[in-house]
Amino acid sequence: MNRLSADLAVFSAAAKTAHEAATHEENIPDNKYDTLSLEASYIAQGQANRAQDLRRALQAYQSLELQEFDDDSPIRLTALVRLEAEDGEEKILFIGPQEGGLKLTVHGEEVMVITPASPLGSELIGKSTGDQVTIGRKEFEVVEVS
């Protein structure tokens, strides 16, 4: 949640700065080809939209209740899933409600957040330890669900 809070602060400040640039008197167009103000307003809107997305994600994670898992539990929301390929490559995934693609370092290991709506997330939901999943062209085995 610290990462989401920090990202929210950055995007909120960026949206405010872009809005100020869009409305600043020096950016009033001199002619129909002067689009600096218009471009700044698009940036401001994009930054504000991203800040709103981050607010929703932060609220979702603050109200999230972690589930208990054992070796026989099917993968579902809040599962921490360790995958391993035959060549030894490992991936650690957290099934979260939002912000898929976010990478975090937890106890020195990289954990990627995925959502149940993502292709990989939908493939993992319902699987359990010992099941196989395909990522790209590589097969991975679910070796741990916690």
C-alpha atoms as a PDB file:
ATOM      1  CA  MET A   1       0.000   0.000   0.000  1.00  0.00           C
ATOM      2  CA  ASN A   2       2.955   2.303   0.536  1.00  0.00           C
ATOM      3  CA  ARG A   3       3.826   1.984  -3.141  1.00  0.00           C
ATOM      4  CA  LEU A   4       0.266   2.847  -4.206  1.00  0.00           C
ATOM      5  CA  SER A   5       0.176   5.809  -1.812  1.00  0.00           C
ATOM      6  CA  ALA A   6       3.459   7.123  -3.183  1.00  0.00           C
ATOM      7  CA  ASP A   7       2.289   6.680  -6.787  1.00  0.00           C
ATOM      8  CA  LEU A   8      -0.969   8.459  -5.933  1.00  0.00           C
ATOM      9  CA  ALA A   9       0.936  11.424  -4.506  1.00  0.00           C
ATOM     10  CA  VAL A  10       3.109  11.644  -7.625  1.00  0.00           C
ATOM     11  CA  PHE A  11       0.185  11.488 -10.059  1.00  0.00           C
ATOM     12  CA  SER A  12      -1.902  13.939  -8.036  1.00  0.00           C
ATOM     13  CA  ALA A  13       0.956  16.449  -8.035  1.00  0.00           C
ATOM     14  CA  ALA A  14       1.565  15.877 -11.738  1.00  0.00           C
ATOM     15  CA  ALA A  15      -2.110  16.439 -12.534  1.00  0.00           C
ATOM     16  CA  LYS A  16      -2.097  19.689 -10.561  1.00  0.00           C
ATOM     17  CA  THR A  17       1.062  20.897 -12.330  1.00  0.00           C
ATOM     18  CA  ALA A  18      -0.305  19.985 -15.757  1.00  0.00           C
ATOM     19  CA  HIS A  19      -3.604  21.730 -14.964  1.00  0.00           C
ATOM     20  CA  GLU A  20      -1.728  24.870 -13.927  1.00  0.00           C
ATOM     21  CA  ALA A  21       0.251  24.760 -17.184  1.00  0.00           C
ATOM     22  CA  ALA A  22      -2.949  24.339 -19.213  1.00  0.00           C
ATOM     23  CA  THR A  23      -4.599  27.359 -17.603  1.00  0.00           C
ATOM     24  CA  HIS A  24      -1.566  29.637 -17.259  1.00  0.00           C
ATOM     25  CA  GLU A  25      -1.911  32.970 -19.061  1.00  0.00           C
ATOM     26  CA  GLU A  26       1.358  32.447 -20.935  1.00  0.00           C
ATOM     27  CA  ASN A  27      -0.144  29.398 -22.635  1.00  0.00           C
ATOM     28  CA  ILE A  28      -3.128  31.216 -24.147  1.00  0.00           C
ATOM     29  CA  PRO A  29      -3.003  30.309 -27.839  1.00  0.00           C
ATOM     30  CA  ASP A  30      -1.779  33.021 -30.215  1.00  0.00           C
ATOM     31  CA  ASN A  31      -3.389  31.316 -33.212  1.00  0.00           C
ATOM     32  CA  LYS A  32      -5.267  28.156 -34.141  1.00  0.00           C
ATOM     33  CA  TYR A  33      -1.988  26.232 -34.542  1.00  0.00           C
ATOM     34  CA  ASP A  34      -0.778  27.002 -31.026  1.00  0.00           C
ATOM     35  CA  THR A  35      -1.843  23.867 -29.134  1.00  0.00           C
ATOM     36  CA  LEU A  36       0.341  24.027 -26.027  1.00  0.00           C
ATOM     37  CA  SER A  37      -2.606  24.750 -23.738  1.00  0.00           C
ATOM     38  CA  LEU A  38      -4.697  22.005 -25.327  1.00  0.00           C
ATOM     39  CA  GLU A  39      -1.870  19.477 -25.000  1.00  0.00           C
ATOM     40  CA  ALA A  40      -1.334  20.431 -21.362  1.00  0.00           C
ATOM     41  CA  SER A  41      -5.048  19.943 -20.667  1.00  0.00           C
ATOM     42  CA  TYR A  42      -4.904  16.435 -22.170  1.00  0.00           C
ATOM     43  CA  ILE A  43      -1.934  15.616 -19.956  1.00  0.00           C
ATOM     44  CA  ALA A  44      -3.718  17.035 -16.913  1.00  0.00           C
ATOM     45  CA  GLN A  45      -6.791  14.906 -17.617  1.00  0.00           C
ATOM     46  CA  GLY A  46      -4.698  11.768 -18.094  1.00  0.00           C
ATOM     47  CA  GLN A  47      -2.815  12.369 -14.846  1.00  0.00           C
ATOM     48  CA  ALA A  48      -6.082  13.017 -12.982  1.00  0.00           C
ATOM     49  CA  ASN A  49      -7.591   9.809 -14.385  1.00  0.00           C
ATOM     50  CA  ARG A  50      -4.548   7.787 -13.278  1.00  0.00           C
ATOM     51  CA  ALA A  51      -4.689   9.362  -9.807  1.00  0.00           C
ATOM     52  CA  GLN A  52      -8.357   8.339  -9.552  1.00  0.00           C
ATOM     53  CA  ASP A  53      -7.478   4.764 -10.602  1.00  0.00           C
ATOM     54  CA  LEU A  54      -4.805   4.682  -7.892  1.00  0.00           C
ATOM     55  CA  ARG A  55      -7.289   5.976  -5.282  1.00  0.00           C
ATOM     56  CA  ARG A  56      -9.671   3.118  -6.160  1.00  0.00           C
ATOM     57  CA  ALA A  57      -6.846   0.567  -6.033  1.00  0.00           C
ATOM     58  CA  LEU A  58      -5.670   1.873  -2.668  1.00  0.00           C
ATOM     59  CA  GLN A  59      -9.204   1.584  -1.283  1.00  0.00           C
ATOM     60  CA  ALA A  60      -9.513  -1.954  -2.664  1.00  0.00           C
ATOM     61  CA  TYR A  61      -6.279  -3.043  -0.995  1.00  0.00           C
ATOM     62  CA  GLN A  62      -7.136  -1.311   2.301  1.00  0.00           C
ATOM     63  CA  SER A  63     -10.389  -3.274   2.526  1.00  0.00           C
ATOM     64  CA  LEU A  64      -8.883  -6.543   1.271  1.00  0.00           C
ATOM     65  CA  GLU A  65      -9.076  -9.502   3.638  1.00  0.00           C
ATOM     66  CA  LEU A  66      -6.247 -11.995   3.178  1.00  0.00           C
ATOM     67  CA  GLN A  67      -7.425 -15.587   2.805  1.00  0.00           C
ATOM     68  CA  GLU A  68      -5.809 -18.652   4.361  1.00  0.00           C
ATOM     69  CA  PHE A  69      -4.324 -21.206   1.960  1.00  0.00           C
ATOM     70  CA  ASP A  70      -2.850 -24.700   2.286  1.00  0.00           C
ATOM     71  CA  ASP A  71      -1.462 -27.208  -0.239  1.00  0.00           C
ATOM     72  CA  ASP A  72      -4.934 -28.283  -1.347  1.00  0.00           C
ATOM     73  CA  SER A  73      -6.486 -24.813  -1.583  1.00  0.00           C
ATOM     74  CA  PRO A  74      -7.531 -23.584  -5.000  1.00  0.00           C
ATOM     75  CA  ILE A  75      -5.938 -20.336  -6.129  1.00  0.00           C
ATOM     76  CA  ARG A  76      -8.172 -17.321  -5.611  1.00  0.00           C
ATOM     77  CA  LEU A  77      -7.934 -13.641  -4.684  1.00  0.00           C
ATOM     78  CA  THR A  78      -5.082 -12.869  -2.209  1.00  0.00           C
ATOM     79  CA  ALA A  79      -3.138 -16.054  -3.043  1.00  0.00           C
ATOM     80  CA  LEU A  80       0.640 -15.819  -3.232  1.00  0.00           C
ATOM     81  CA  VAL A  81       1.596 -18.309  -5.938  1.00  0.00           C
ATOM     82  CA  ARG A  82       5.067 -19.682  -6.629  1.00  0.00           C
ATOM     83  CA  LEU A  83       5.574 -21.135 -10.098  1.00  0.00           C
ATOM     84  CA  GLU A  84       8.582 -23.093 -11.325  1.00  0.00           C
ATOM     85  CA  ALA A  85       9.598 -24.166 -14.829  1.00  0.00           C
ATOM     86  CA  GLU A  86      11.621 -27.275 -15.649  1.00  0.00           C
ATOM     87  CA  ASP A  87      14.721 -25.133 -16.202  1.00  0.00           C
ATOM     88  CA  GLY A  88      14.457 -23.811 -12.630  1.00  0.00           C
ATOM     89  CA  GLU A  89      13.007 -20.389 -13.487  1.00  0.00           C
ATOM     90  CA  GLU A  90      10.672 -19.198 -10.754  1.00  0.00           C
ATOM     91  CA  LYS A  91       7.899 -16.648 -10.705  1.00  0.00           C
ATOM     92  CA  ILE A  92       6.072 -15.387  -7.648  1.00  0.00           C
ATOM     93  CA  LEU A  93       2.642 -13.914  -8.250  1.00  0.00           C
ATOM     94  CA  PHE A  94       0.126 -12.246  -5.945  1.00  0.00           C
ATOM     95  CA  ILE A  95      -3.513 -12.404  -7.026  1.00  0.00           C
ATOM     96  CA  GLY A  96      -4.761  -8.908  -6.224  1.00  0.00           C
ATOM     97  CA  PRO A  97      -7.960  -6.995  -6.956  1.00  0.00           C
ATOM     98  CA  GLN A  98      -6.277  -4.217  -8.990  1.00  0.00           C
ATOM     99  CA  GLU A  99      -2.973  -2.835 -10.284  1.00  0.00           C
ATOM    100  CA  GLY A 100      -1.926  -5.916 -12.228  1.00  0.00           C
ATOM    101  CA  GLY A 101       1.639  -5.655 -13.473  1.00  0.00           C
ATOM    102  CA  LEU A 102       2.879  -3.932 -10.327  1.00  0.00           C
ATOM    103  CA  LYS A 103       6.206  -5.444  -9.258  1.00  0.00           C
ATOM    104  CA  LEU A 104       7.218  -5.452  -5.608  1.00  0.00           C
ATOM    105  CA  THR A 105      10.223  -6.751  -3.736  1.00  0.00           C
ATOM    106  CA  VAL A 106       9.228  -8.838  -0.728  1.00  0.00           C
ATOM    107  CA  HIS A 107      11.936 -10.426   1.424  1.00  0.00           C
ATOM    108  CA  GLY A 108      14.397  -9.963  -1.432  1.00  0.00           C
ATOM    109  CA  GLU A 109      12.198 -11.677  -4.027  1.00  0.00           C
ATOM    110  CA  GLU A 110      10.313 -10.047  -6.878  1.00  0.00           C
ATOM    111  CA  VAL A 111       6.557 -10.485  -6.643  1.00  0.00           C
ATOM    112  CA  MET A 112       4.300  -9.484  -9.516  1.00  0.00           C
ATOM    113  CA  VAL A 113       0.696  -8.533  -8.860  1.00  0.00           C
ATOM    114  CA  ILE A 114      -1.797 -10.007 -11.300  1.00  0.00           C
ATOM    115  CA  THR A 115      -5.569  -9.755 -11.293  1.00  0.00           C
ATOM    116  CA  PRO A 116      -8.114 -12.528 -11.814  1.00  0.00           C
ATOM    117  CA  ALA A 117      -9.251 -10.697 -14.977  1.00  0.00           C
ATOM    118  CA  SER A 118      -5.827 -10.988 -16.638  1.00  0.00           C
ATOM    119  CA  PRO A 119      -5.181 -13.939 -18.968  1.00  0.00           C
ATOM    120  CA  LEU A 120      -2.686 -15.496 -16.532  1.00  0.00           C
ATOM    121  CA  GLY A 121      -4.895 -14.704 -13.555  1.00  0.00           C
ATOM    122  CA  SER A 122      -7.915 -16.362 -15.131  1.00  0.00           C
ATOM    123  CA  GLU A 123      -5.790 -19.401 -15.982  1.00  0.00           C
ATOM    124  CA  LEU A 124      -4.520 -19.654 -12.387  1.00  0.00           C
ATOM    125  CA  ILE A 125      -7.858 -19.191 -10.615  1.00  0.00           C
ATOM    126  CA  GLY A 126      -9.071 -22.569  -9.359  1.00  0.00           C
ATOM    127  CA  LYS A 127      -5.760 -24.354  -9.886  1.00  0.00           C
ATOM    128  CA  SER A 128      -3.769 -25.719  -6.954  1.00  0.00           C
ATOM    129  CA  THR A 129      -0.327 -27.059  -6.093  1.00  0.00           C
ATOM    130  CA  GLY A 130       0.938 -29.458  -8.762  1.00  0.00           C
ATOM    131  CA  ASP A 131      -1.108 -27.993 -11.621  1.00  0.00           C
ATOM    132  CA  GLN A 132       0.520 -26.665 -14.798  1.00  0.00           C
ATOM    133  CA  VAL A 133       0.135 -23.245 -16.436  1.00  0.00           C
ATOM    134  CA  THR A 134       1.606 -21.793 -19.602  1.00  0.00           C
ATOM    135  CA  ILE A 135       3.274 -18.394 -19.651  1.00  0.00           C
ATOM    136  CA  GLY A 136       4.278 -17.460 -23.164  1.00  0.00           C
ATOM    137  CA  ARG A 137       5.713 -20.678 -24.555  1.00  0.00           C
ATOM    138  CA  LYS A 138       6.953 -22.021 -21.244  1.00  0.00           C
ATOM    139  CA  GLU A 139       5.235 -24.470 -18.918  1.00  0.00           C
ATOM    140  CA  PHE A 140       5.284 -23.734 -15.189  1.00  0.00           C
ATOM    141  CA  GLU A 141       4.153 -25.874 -12.300  1.00  0.00           C
ATOM    142  CA  VAL A 142       2.345 -24.395  -9.320  1.00  0.00           C
ATOM    143  CA  VAL A 143       4.731 -25.398  -6.524  1.00  0.00           C
ATOM    144  CA  GLU A 144       3.252 -23.379  -3.657  1.00  0.00           C
ATOM    145  CA  VAL A 145       0.065 -21.504  -2.809  1.00  0.00           C
ATOM    146  CA  SER A 146       0.110 -19.458   0.381  1.00  0.00           C
END
